[in-house]
Amino acid sequence: MVLELAAEPFKTASRQMGSLLDAMQKGYYGFCRNETWTPAVNLYENESAYLVCVDLAGVDKTKIHLEVVDHQLTIRGTREVPNHPDRTEAETAGKVRVHLMEIDHGGFSRLVELPVDVSRETINATYRDGMLWIELPKQTP
């Protein structure tokens, strides 16, 4: 079951190694990005529901799309390149030189396997402070 963190003890280490290898391939001045990035996800469970927390800092909530098909939750969307909050993109065009770009931007996609006892008719999502919380109630027996 995907929601049991102990079932995948090396997943975090694998993700960190992947990030390190990506950084090495880019080089110091390489600002190439992948076509999609993968937001970090935390999975929780209580007596009545499964809870999915997705780190989507800087993502406009109107650009987040959720879809449940069979036993899979797909989270898709887009994060724009961050701009200085006091300046428009036109004001900074040609005036800003990038020295380092580590904040992922562009399209993202994340797939979460769902347990069979999820009640798909009553899923609830809340976006606050850059975190998307998805509550997946359990079916009552």
Protein backbone atom coordinates (compact mmCIF):
# COMPACT_ATOMS: atom_id res chain seq x y z
CA MET A 1 0.00 0.00 0.00
CA VAL A 2 1.47 3.37 -1.01
CA LEU A 3 0.23 5.21 2.07
CA GLU A 4 2.47 3.18 4.38
CA LEU A 5 5.76 5.10 4.47
CA ALA A 6 7.67 2.17 5.94
CA ALA A 7 7.00 0.13 2.80
CA GLU A 8 9.36 2.35 0.80
CA PRO A 9 12.37 3.09 3.07
CA PHE A 10 14.70 4.18 0.28
CA LYS A 11 12.31 6.43 -1.66
CA THR A 12 13.63 9.65 -0.08
CA ALA A 13 17.25 8.65 -0.67
CA SER A 14 16.43 7.77 -4.27
CA ARG A 15 14.74 11.16 -4.82
CA GLN A 16 17.74 12.98 -3.31
CA MET A 17 20.18 11.07 -5.52
CA GLY A 18 18.07 11.90 -8.57
CA SER A 19 18.15 15.60 -7.67
CA LEU A 20 21.91 15.46 -7.17
CA LEU A 21 22.44 13.79 -10.55
CA ASP A 22 20.18 16.36 -12.23
CA ALA A 23 22.19 19.19 -10.68
CA MET A 24 25.48 17.64 -11.84
CA GLN A 25 24.19 17.31 -15.41
CA LYS A 26 23.09 20.95 -15.52
CA GLY A 27 26.43 22.36 -14.43
CA TYR A 28 26.86 25.63 -12.55
CA TYR A 29 25.45 27.88 -15.27
CA GLY A 30 23.04 25.38 -16.81
CA PHE A 31 19.47 26.49 -16.28
CA CYS A 32 17.86 23.72 -18.29
CA ARG A 33 14.82 22.24 -16.63
CA ASN A 34 12.93 19.05 -17.16
CA GLU A 35 9.65 19.13 -19.01
CA THR A 36 7.84 18.43 -15.74
CA TRP A 37 8.79 18.58 -12.08
CA THR A 38 7.46 16.49 -9.25
CA PRO A 39 6.10 18.24 -6.16
CA ALA A 40 6.79 16.70 -2.75
CA VAL A 41 3.91 14.77 -1.16
CA ASN A 42 3.15 13.66 2.40
CA LEU A 43 0.59 10.93 3.00
CA TYR A 44 -1.31 10.49 6.27
CA GLU A 45 -4.15 8.35 7.56
CA ASN A 46 -6.57 8.70 10.45
CA GLU A 47 -9.60 6.62 11.41
CA SER A 48 -11.94 8.21 8.88
CA ALA A 49 -9.76 9.38 5.96
CA TYR A 50 -6.50 9.41 4.06
CA LEU A 51 -4.85 12.84 3.80
CA VAL A 52 -2.55 13.92 0.99
CA CYS A 53 -0.45 17.08 1.47
CA VAL A 54 1.26 18.46 -1.66
CA ASP A 55 3.90 21.22 -1.57
CA LEU A 56 2.81 23.63 -4.33
CA ALA A 57 4.32 26.92 -3.15
CA GLY A 58 3.88 29.65 -5.74
CA VAL A 59 1.29 27.76 -7.79
CA ASP A 60 -1.88 29.65 -8.72
CA LYS A 61 -4.74 27.50 -7.39
CA THR A 62 -6.64 27.95 -10.66
CA LYS A 63 -3.81 26.05 -12.38
CA ILE A 64 -4.12 22.92 -10.23
CA HIS A 65 -6.14 20.01 -11.63
CA LEU A 66 -7.12 16.86 -9.73
CA GLU A 67 -8.44 13.68 -11.28
CA VAL A 68 -9.37 10.34 -9.76
CA VAL A 69 -9.46 7.38 -12.12
CA ASP A 70 -9.80 3.85 -10.77
CA HIS A 71 -7.51 3.84 -7.71
CA GLN A 72 -5.21 6.66 -8.79
CA LEU A 73 -5.18 10.35 -7.89
CA THR A 74 -3.45 12.53 -10.47
CA ILE A 75 -2.38 16.07 -9.55
CA ARG A 76 -1.37 18.29 -12.50
CA GLY A 77 -0.70 21.94 -13.01
CA THR A 78 1.76 24.70 -13.80
CA ARG A 79 4.02 26.96 -11.74
CA GLU A 80 5.26 30.14 -13.39
CA VAL A 81 8.79 31.49 -13.00
CA PRO A 82 8.74 33.59 -9.82
CA ASN A 83 8.85 37.37 -10.35
CA HIS A 84 9.77 40.04 -7.85
CA PRO A 85 6.51 40.93 -6.07
CA ASP A 86 6.95 44.70 -6.56
CA ARG A 87 7.83 44.59 -10.25
CA THR A 88 5.99 43.40 -13.32
CA GLU A 89 7.63 41.09 -15.82
CA ALA A 90 7.87 44.00 -18.31
CA GLU A 91 9.73 46.13 -15.75
CA THR A 92 12.37 43.47 -15.14
CA ALA A 93 12.80 42.35 -18.78
CA GLY A 94 16.40 42.90 -19.82
CA LYS A 95 17.41 44.17 -16.36
CA VAL A 96 17.81 40.93 -14.43
CA ARG A 97 20.71 38.53 -14.82
CA VAL A 98 20.12 35.01 -13.50
CA HIS A 99 22.99 33.56 -11.46
CA LEU A 100 21.21 30.59 -9.95
CA MET A 101 17.81 29.03 -10.65
CA GLU A 102 16.82 26.17 -8.35
CA ILE A 103 13.07 26.74 -7.98
CA ASP A 104 11.31 24.36 -10.33
CA HIS A 105 8.76 25.90 -12.66
CA GLY A 106 6.64 24.82 -15.58
CA GLY A 107 4.29 21.86 -15.75
CA PHE A 108 4.10 19.31 -12.97
CA SER A 109 2.42 15.99 -12.48
CA ARG A 110 2.13 13.64 -9.53
CA LEU A 111 0.37 10.28 -9.36
CA VAL A 112 -0.75 8.82 -6.01
CA GLU A 113 -2.06 5.26 -5.73
CA LEU A 114 -5.23 5.15 -3.62
CA PRO A 115 -6.39 2.36 -1.32
CA VAL A 116 -9.49 0.48 -2.40
CA ASP A 117 -11.58 1.79 0.51
CA VAL A 118 -11.54 5.47 -0.61
CA SER A 119 -14.96 7.04 -1.03
CA ARG A 120 -14.40 8.89 -4.31
CA GLU A 121 -17.73 10.75 -4.16
CA THR A 122 -16.73 12.86 -1.15
CA ILE A 123 -13.12 13.92 -1.82
CA ASN A 124 -12.32 17.41 -0.54
CA ALA A 125 -9.34 19.65 -1.44
CA THR A 126 -8.10 22.83 0.26
CA TYR A 127 -5.23 25.08 -0.89
CA ARG A 128 -3.67 27.29 1.76
CA ASP A 129 -0.21 28.83 2.21
CA GLY A 130 1.19 26.94 -0.77
CA MET A 131 0.06 23.55 0.50
CA LEU A 132 -2.66 21.51 -1.20
CA TRP A 133 -4.52 19.27 1.26
CA ILE A 134 -6.67 16.51 -0.21
CA GLU A 135 -8.96 14.58 2.12
CA LEU A 136 -9.99 11.17 0.87
CA PRO A 137 -12.69 9.78 3.20
CA LYS A 138 -12.80 6.05 3.78
CA GLN A 139 -15.89 4.10 2.78
CA THR A 140 -18.05 3.06 5.68
CA PRO A 141 -18.49 -0.70 5.95
